[in-house]
Amino acid sequence: MVVGIDSYQKDNQYMVYSHTGNPAKTKETKKKTFSWAKEAEDRGAGEIVLNCMNQDGVRKGYDIEQLIGVNKVINIPLIASGGAGQLADFAEAILNANVSGTLAASVFHKNVINIYDLKVFLKSKNIEVRL
């Protein structure tokens, strides 16, 4: 079971948000991201997709600090989401935040990054990918 977490940094804390698909309905849940990630694992989650909302769509890289923080409190795979804008962003998240995988959307939908080119780049960095 994969649990998705939408996390937003507010007042130097990472907070979980819900209803994020509709800006008019988005709301803070009062749950702290790190403790909710651990609770999700304790409840049986086998993997977490962490969408770092502050970075999402801005294409300036993943929130490495937040990813490292979540990875410190869980023992299951973590997938980074939100922020990829260039090939190096994917490698940075994998190598520096020790995530199991990376997720991106708009850079692929808008053909900013070619998926095959990304895979070749990651392979050149000794990151395991399926070509």
N, C-alpha and C. Protein backbone atom coordinates (compact mmCIF):
# COMPACT_ATOMS: atom_id res chain seq x y z
N MET A 1 0.84 -1.17 0.00
CA MET A 1 0.00 0.00 0.00
C MET A 1 0.89 1.24 0.00
N VAL A 2 0.63 2.13 -0.90
CA VAL A 2 1.37 3.38 -1.00
C VAL A 2 0.51 4.50 -0.43
N VAL A 3 1.09 5.29 0.45
CA VAL A 3 0.39 6.43 1.04
C VAL A 3 0.98 7.71 0.44
N GLY A 4 0.11 8.56 -0.08
CA GLY A 4 0.53 9.86 -0.59
C GLY A 4 0.34 10.91 0.48
N ILE A 5 1.36 11.75 0.64
CA ILE A 5 1.30 12.84 1.62
C ILE A 5 1.58 14.15 0.89
N ASP A 6 0.67 15.10 1.02
CA ASP A 6 0.88 16.45 0.51
C ASP A 6 1.35 17.29 1.69
N SER A 7 2.58 17.77 1.59
CA SER A 7 3.20 18.48 2.70
C SER A 7 3.54 19.90 2.29
N TYR A 8 3.27 20.82 3.20
CA TYR A 8 3.52 22.24 2.94
C TYR A 8 4.33 22.82 4.10
N GLN A 9 5.41 23.52 3.76
CA GLN A 9 6.21 24.15 4.81
C GLN A 9 5.58 25.48 5.20
N LYS A 10 5.29 25.59 6.50
CA LYS A 10 4.64 26.79 7.02
C LYS A 10 5.24 27.08 8.39
N ASP A 11 5.72 28.29 8.58
CA ASP A 11 6.30 28.69 9.86
C ASP A 11 7.37 27.71 10.33
N ASN A 12 8.28 27.35 9.41
CA ASN A 12 9.40 26.45 9.70
C ASN A 12 8.97 25.05 10.13
N GLN A 13 7.75 24.65 9.80
CA GLN A 13 7.29 23.29 10.07
C GLN A 13 6.66 22.73 8.80
N TYR A 14 6.76 21.43 8.66
CA TYR A 14 6.13 20.76 7.53
C TYR A 14 4.80 20.21 8.00
N MET A 15 3.72 20.63 7.34
CA MET A 15 2.37 20.26 7.73
C MET A 15 1.68 19.52 6.59
N VAL A 16 0.82 18.58 6.95
CA VAL A 16 0.07 17.80 5.97
C VAL A 16 -1.19 18.58 5.58
N TYR A 17 -1.44 18.60 4.28
CA TYR A 17 -2.63 19.25 3.75
C TYR A 17 -3.50 18.22 3.06
N SER A 18 -4.79 18.50 2.98
CA SER A 18 -5.73 17.61 2.29
C SER A 18 -6.52 18.40 1.26
N HIS A 19 -7.26 17.69 0.44
CA HIS A 19 -8.10 18.28 -0.60
C HIS A 19 -7.27 19.19 -1.52
N THR A 20 -6.03 18.77 -1.80
CA THR A 20 -5.11 19.63 -2.55
C THR A 20 -5.39 19.68 -4.04
N GLY A 21 -6.28 18.87 -4.53
CA GLY A 21 -6.63 18.91 -5.94
C GLY A 21 -7.47 20.12 -6.32
N ASN A 22 -8.03 20.78 -5.32
CA ASN A 22 -8.89 21.94 -5.57
C ASN A 22 -8.44 23.07 -4.64
N PRO A 23 -7.78 24.10 -5.19
CA PRO A 23 -7.27 25.18 -4.34
C PRO A 23 -8.32 25.81 -3.42
N ALA A 24 -9.56 25.82 -3.84
CA ALA A 24 -10.62 26.41 -3.01
C ALA A 24 -10.95 25.53 -1.80
N LYS A 25 -10.61 24.24 -1.87
CA LYS A 25 -10.94 23.31 -0.78
C LYS A 25 -9.72 22.84 0.00
N THR A 26 -8.51 23.20 -0.44
CA THR A 26 -7.29 22.77 0.23
C THR A 26 -7.28 23.26 1.67
N LYS A 27 -6.90 22.36 2.58
CA LYS A 27 -6.86 22.75 3.99
C LYS A 27 -5.76 22.02 4.73
N GLU A 28 -5.26 22.69 5.76
CA GLU A 28 -4.25 22.11 6.64
C GLU A 28 -4.95 21.10 7.56
N THR A 29 -4.30 19.97 7.79
CA THR A 29 -4.91 18.93 8.62
C THR A 29 -4.50 19.01 10.09
N LYS A 30 -3.53 19.84 10.41
CA LYS A 30 -2.96 19.97 11.76
C LYS A 30 -1.97 18.83 12.07
N LYS A 31 -1.78 17.90 11.10
CA LYS A 31 -0.80 16.83 11.29
C LYS A 31 0.55 17.31 10.80
N LYS A 32 1.60 16.99 11.55
CA LYS A 32 2.96 17.29 11.13
C LYS A 32 3.43 16.18 10.19
N THR A 33 4.09 16.57 9.14
CA THR A 33 4.47 15.63 8.08
C THR A 33 5.30 14.46 8.60
N PHE A 34 6.34 14.74 9.38
CA PHE A 34 7.23 13.66 9.82
C PHE A 34 6.49 12.66 10.69
N SER A 35 5.69 13.14 11.63
CA SER A 35 4.98 12.21 12.51
C SER A 35 3.89 11.46 11.74
N TRP A 36 3.24 12.11 10.78
CA TRP A 36 2.23 11.43 9.99
C TRP A 36 2.86 10.34 9.11
N ALA A 37 4.04 10.61 8.55
CA ALA A 37 4.73 9.61 7.74
C ALA A 37 5.03 8.38 8.59
N LYS A 38 5.52 8.58 9.79
CA LYS A 38 5.82 7.47 10.70
C LYS A 38 4.53 6.73 11.07
N GLU A 39 3.47 7.46 11.34
CA GLU A 39 2.20 6.82 11.67
C GLU A 39 1.67 6.00 10.50
N ALA A 40 1.81 6.53 9.28
CA ALA A 40 1.37 5.78 8.10
C ALA A 40 2.14 4.47 7.99
N GLU A 41 3.44 4.53 8.24
CA GLU A 41 4.24 3.30 8.24
C GLU A 41 3.76 2.34 9.32
N ASP A 42 3.55 2.86 10.52
CA ASP A 42 3.09 2.02 11.64
C ASP A 42 1.73 1.38 11.35
N ARG A 43 0.91 2.06 10.54
CA ARG A 43 -0.41 1.52 10.18
C ARG A 43 -0.33 0.50 9.05
N GLY A 44 0.85 0.33 8.46
CA GLY A 44 1.03 -0.70 7.44
C GLY A 44 1.39 -0.21 6.05
N ALA A 45 1.61 1.08 5.88
CA ALA A 45 2.03 1.56 4.57
C ALA A 45 3.34 0.90 4.18
N GLY A 46 3.46 0.54 2.92
CA GLY A 46 4.68 -0.07 2.44
C GLY A 46 5.58 0.90 1.70
N GLU A 47 5.05 2.08 1.43
CA GLU A 47 5.79 3.09 0.68
C GLU A 47 5.07 4.42 0.85
N ILE A 48 5.83 5.51 0.76
CA ILE A 48 5.24 6.85 0.87
C ILE A 48 5.67 7.68 -0.33
N VAL A 49 4.71 8.37 -0.94
CA VAL A 49 4.98 9.38 -1.95
C VAL A 49 4.81 10.72 -1.24
N LEU A 50 5.89 11.47 -1.14
CA LEU A 50 5.85 12.76 -0.47
C LEU A 50 5.85 13.88 -1.50
N ASN A 51 4.72 14.57 -1.60
CA ASN A 51 4.62 15.72 -2.48
C ASN A 51 4.92 16.98 -1.68
N CYS A 52 6.06 17.56 -1.96
CA CYS A 52 6.49 18.78 -1.28
C CYS A 52 5.85 19.96 -2.00
N MET A 53 4.72 20.42 -1.47
CA MET A 53 3.88 21.39 -2.16
C MET A 53 4.57 22.72 -2.44
N ASN A 54 5.49 23.14 -1.57
CA ASN A 54 6.17 24.42 -1.80
C ASN A 54 7.01 24.38 -3.08
N GLN A 55 7.47 23.20 -3.45
CA GLN A 55 8.31 23.03 -4.62
C GLN A 55 7.52 22.62 -5.85
N ASP A 56 6.32 22.10 -5.64
CA ASP A 56 5.54 21.51 -6.72
C ASP A 56 5.26 22.53 -7.82
N GLY A 57 5.65 22.19 -9.03
CA GLY A 57 5.38 23.03 -10.19
C GLY A 57 6.36 24.15 -10.44
N VAL A 58 7.30 24.38 -9.52
CA VAL A 58 8.22 25.51 -9.70
C VAL A 58 9.50 25.13 -10.43
N ARG A 59 9.77 23.82 -10.54
CA ARG A 59 10.91 23.29 -11.31
C ARG A 59 12.25 23.81 -10.83
N LYS A 60 12.40 23.92 -9.50
CA LYS A 60 13.67 24.37 -8.93
C LYS A 60 14.32 23.30 -8.07
N GLY A 61 13.89 22.07 -8.24
CA GLY A 61 14.46 20.95 -7.50
C GLY A 61 13.56 20.50 -6.36
N TYR A 62 13.80 19.27 -5.95
CA TYR A 62 13.04 18.69 -4.85
C TYR A 62 13.46 19.33 -3.52
N ASP A 63 12.62 19.23 -2.51
CA ASP A 63 12.92 19.74 -1.17
C ASP A 63 13.77 18.68 -0.45
N ILE A 64 15.07 18.74 -0.70
CA ILE A 64 16.00 17.73 -0.19
C ILE A 64 15.96 17.66 1.33
N GLU A 65 15.92 18.80 1.99
CA GLU A 65 15.90 18.84 3.46
C GLU A 65 14.68 18.08 4.01
N GLN A 66 13.53 18.32 3.43
CA GLN A 66 12.32 17.65 3.90
C GLN A 66 12.38 16.15 3.61
N LEU A 67 12.86 15.78 2.44
CA LEU A 67 12.98 14.37 2.09
C LEU A 67 13.92 13.64 3.05
N ILE A 68 15.04 14.26 3.37
CA ILE A 68 15.98 13.67 4.33
C ILE A 68 15.30 13.51 5.69
N GLY A 69 14.57 14.52 6.11
CA GLY A 69 13.89 14.47 7.40
C GLY A 69 12.88 13.35 7.49
N VAL A 70 12.08 13.17 6.44
CA VAL A 70 11.10 12.08 6.45
C VAL A 70 11.81 10.74 6.41
N ASN A 71 12.86 10.64 5.60
CA ASN A 71 13.60 9.38 5.51
C ASN A 71 14.22 8.97 6.84
N LYS A 72 14.51 9.92 7.69
CA LYS A 72 15.10 9.61 9.01
C LYS A 72 14.10 8.95 9.95
N VAL A 73 12.80 9.18 9.72
CA VAL A 73 11.80 8.65 10.66
C VAL A 73 11.06 7.43 10.14
N ILE A 74 11.27 7.07 8.87
CA ILE A 74 10.59 5.89 8.32
C ILE A 74 11.61 4.85 7.87
N ASN A 75 11.13 3.63 7.73
CA ASN A 75 11.98 2.53 7.28
C ASN A 75 11.39 1.85 6.05
N ILE A 76 10.62 2.59 5.29
CA ILE A 76 10.01 2.08 4.07
C ILE A 76 10.44 3.00 2.92
N PRO A 77 10.28 2.55 1.68
CA PRO A 77 10.68 3.39 0.55
C PRO A 77 9.94 4.73 0.52
N LEU A 78 10.68 5.76 0.10
CA LEU A 78 10.14 7.11 -0.03
C LEU A 78 10.32 7.56 -1.47
N ILE A 79 9.25 8.06 -2.06
CA ILE A 79 9.27 8.60 -3.41
C ILE A 79 9.15 10.12 -3.32
N ALA A 80 10.07 10.82 -3.97
CA ALA A 80 10.07 12.28 -3.98
C ALA A 80 9.13 12.80 -5.05
N SER A 81 8.35 13.81 -4.71
CA SER A 81 7.44 14.44 -5.66
C SER A 81 7.44 15.94 -5.43
N GLY A 82 7.43 16.68 -6.51
CA GLY A 82 7.31 18.14 -6.42
C GLY A 82 8.63 18.85 -6.56
N GLY A 83 8.88 19.41 -7.74
CA GLY A 83 10.03 20.29 -7.89
C GLY A 83 10.98 20.01 -9.03
N ALA A 84 10.92 18.84 -9.65
CA ALA A 84 11.88 18.53 -10.69
C ALA A 84 11.76 19.48 -11.87
N GLY A 85 12.90 19.99 -12.32
CA GLY A 85 12.91 20.88 -13.47
C GLY A 85 14.00 20.56 -14.46
N GLN A 86 14.99 19.80 -14.00
CA GLN A 86 16.10 19.43 -14.88
C GLN A 86 16.61 18.05 -14.47
N LEU A 87 17.40 17.45 -15.33
CA LEU A 87 17.89 16.10 -15.10
C LEU A 87 18.58 15.97 -13.74
N ALA A 88 19.40 16.91 -13.39
CA ALA A 88 20.18 16.83 -12.15
C ALA A 88 19.29 16.79 -10.91
N ASP A 89 18.10 17.34 -10.97
CA ASP A 89 17.20 17.34 -9.81
C ASP A 89 16.85 15.91 -9.39
N PHE A 90 16.64 15.04 -10.36
CA PHE A 90 16.30 13.65 -10.08
C PHE A 90 17.46 12.94 -9.39
N ALA A 91 18.65 13.10 -9.93
CA ALA A 91 19.84 12.47 -9.35
C ALA A 91 20.10 13.02 -7.95
N GLU A 92 19.94 14.31 -7.75
CA GLU A 92 20.18 14.90 -6.44
C GLU A 92 19.26 14.28 -5.38
N ALA A 93 18.00 14.11 -5.70
CA ALA A 93 17.07 13.53 -4.73
C ALA A 93 17.45 12.09 -4.40
N ILE A 94 17.81 11.34 -5.41
CA ILE A 94 18.15 9.93 -5.20
C ILE A 94 19.46 9.81 -4.42
N LEU A 95 20.46 10.57 -4.82
CA LEU A 95 21.79 10.44 -4.21
C LEU A 95 21.92 11.16 -2.87
N ASN A 96 21.28 12.32 -2.74
CA ASN A 96 21.47 13.11 -1.51
C ASN A 96 20.38 12.91 -0.47
N ALA A 97 19.17 12.58 -0.90
CA ALA A 97 18.07 12.37 0.06
C ALA A 97 17.75 10.89 0.22
N ASN A 98 18.46 10.06 -0.54
CA ASN A 98 18.32 8.61 -0.43
C ASN A 98 16.89 8.13 -0.67
N VAL A 99 16.18 8.79 -1.58
CA VAL A 99 14.83 8.33 -1.91
C VAL A 99 14.91 7.12 -2.82
N SER A 100 13.86 6.33 -2.82
CA SER A 100 13.81 5.12 -3.64
C SER A 100 13.42 5.43 -5.07
N GLY A 101 12.78 6.56 -5.27
CA GLY A 101 12.36 6.94 -6.61
C GLY A 101 11.92 8.39 -6.64
N THR A 102 11.71 8.86 -7.83
CA THR A 102 11.29 10.24 -8.02
C THR A 102 10.05 10.26 -8.90
N LEU A 103 9.20 11.24 -8.68
CA LEU A 103 7.98 11.42 -9.43
C LEU A 103 8.01 12.81 -10.04
N ALA A 104 7.54 12.90 -11.25
CA ALA A 104 7.40 14.20 -11.91
C ALA A 104 6.21 14.11 -12.85
N ALA A 105 5.68 15.25 -13.20
CA ALA A 105 4.52 15.25 -14.10
C ALA A 105 4.69 16.29 -15.20
N SER A 106 4.63 17.57 -14.85
CA SER A 106 4.57 18.60 -15.89
C SER A 106 5.80 18.59 -16.79
N VAL A 107 6.97 18.26 -16.26
CA VAL A 107 8.17 18.25 -17.12
C VAL A 107 8.08 17.17 -18.18
N PHE A 108 7.30 16.12 -17.91
CA PHE A 108 7.09 15.08 -18.91
C PHE A 108 5.92 15.44 -19.82
N HIS A 109 4.82 15.92 -19.23
CA HIS A 109 3.64 16.28 -20.02
C HIS A 109 3.96 17.36 -21.05
N LYS A 110 4.79 18.31 -20.64
CA LYS A 110 5.13 19.44 -21.51
C LYS A 110 6.41 19.21 -22.30
N ASN A 111 6.93 17.99 -22.22
CA ASN A 111 8.14 17.58 -22.93
C ASN A 111 9.35 18.47 -22.62
N VAL A 112 9.43 18.97 -21.39
CA VAL A 112 10.60 19.70 -20.93
C VAL A 112 11.76 18.72 -20.75
N ILE A 113 11.43 17.53 -20.27
CA ILE A 113 12.41 16.46 -20.09
C ILE A 113 11.88 15.22 -20.80
N ASN A 114 12.74 14.61 -21.58
CA ASN A 114 12.41 13.35 -22.25
C ASN A 114 12.72 12.22 -21.28
N ILE A 115 11.77 11.32 -21.08
CA ILE A 115 11.93 10.25 -20.09
C ILE A 115 13.13 9.36 -20.42
N TYR A 116 13.29 9.00 -21.67
CA TYR A 116 14.42 8.14 -22.03
C TYR A 116 15.75 8.86 -21.75
N ASP A 117 15.83 10.14 -22.10
CA ASP A 117 17.05 10.90 -21.83
C ASP A 117 17.34 10.96 -20.33
N LEU A 118 16.30 11.09 -19.53
CA LEU A 118 16.46 11.10 -18.07
C LEU A 118 17.03 9.76 -17.60
N LYS A 119 16.49 8.68 -18.12
CA LYS A 119 16.97 7.36 -17.72
C LYS A 119 18.44 7.17 -18.08
N VAL A 120 18.82 7.59 -19.26
CA VAL A 120 20.22 7.48 -19.69
C VAL A 120 21.11 8.32 -18.77
N PHE A 121 20.65 9.52 -18.43
CA PHE A 121 21.40 10.39 -17.52
C PHE A 121 21.58 9.73 -16.15
N LEU A 122 20.49 9.20 -15.60
CA LEU A 122 20.57 8.56 -14.28
C LEU A 122 21.48 7.34 -14.32
N LYS A 123 21.41 6.57 -15.38
CA LYS A 123 22.29 5.41 -15.53
C LYS A 123 23.76 5.86 -15.54
N SER A 124 24.04 6.99 -16.17
CA SER A 124 25.42 7.51 -16.21
C SER A 124 25.92 7.93 -14.83
N LYS A 125 24.97 8.13 -13.89
CA LYS A 125 25.31 8.49 -12.51
C LYS A 125 25.30 7.24 -11.61
N ASN A 126 25.27 6.07 -12.25
CA ASN A 126 25.23 4.78 -11.53
C ASN A 126 23.97 4.60 -10.69
N ILE A 127 22.88 5.19 -11.17
CA ILE A 127 21.58 5.01 -10.52
C ILE A 127 20.81 3.96 -11.32
N GLU A 128 20.29 2.98 -10.62
CA GLU A 128 19.60 1.88 -11.27
C GLU A 128 18.29 2.36 -11.91
N VAL A 129 18.15 2.08 -13.20
CA VAL A 129 16.93 2.39 -13.93
C VAL A 129 16.64 1.25 -14.91
N ARG A 130 15.41 1.16 -15.35
CA ARG A 130 15.03 0.21 -16.39
C ARG A 130 15.03 0.96 -17.72
N LEU A 131 15.92 0.56 -18.61
CA LEU A 131 15.98 1.21 -19.93
C LEU A 131 15.12 0.48 -20.94
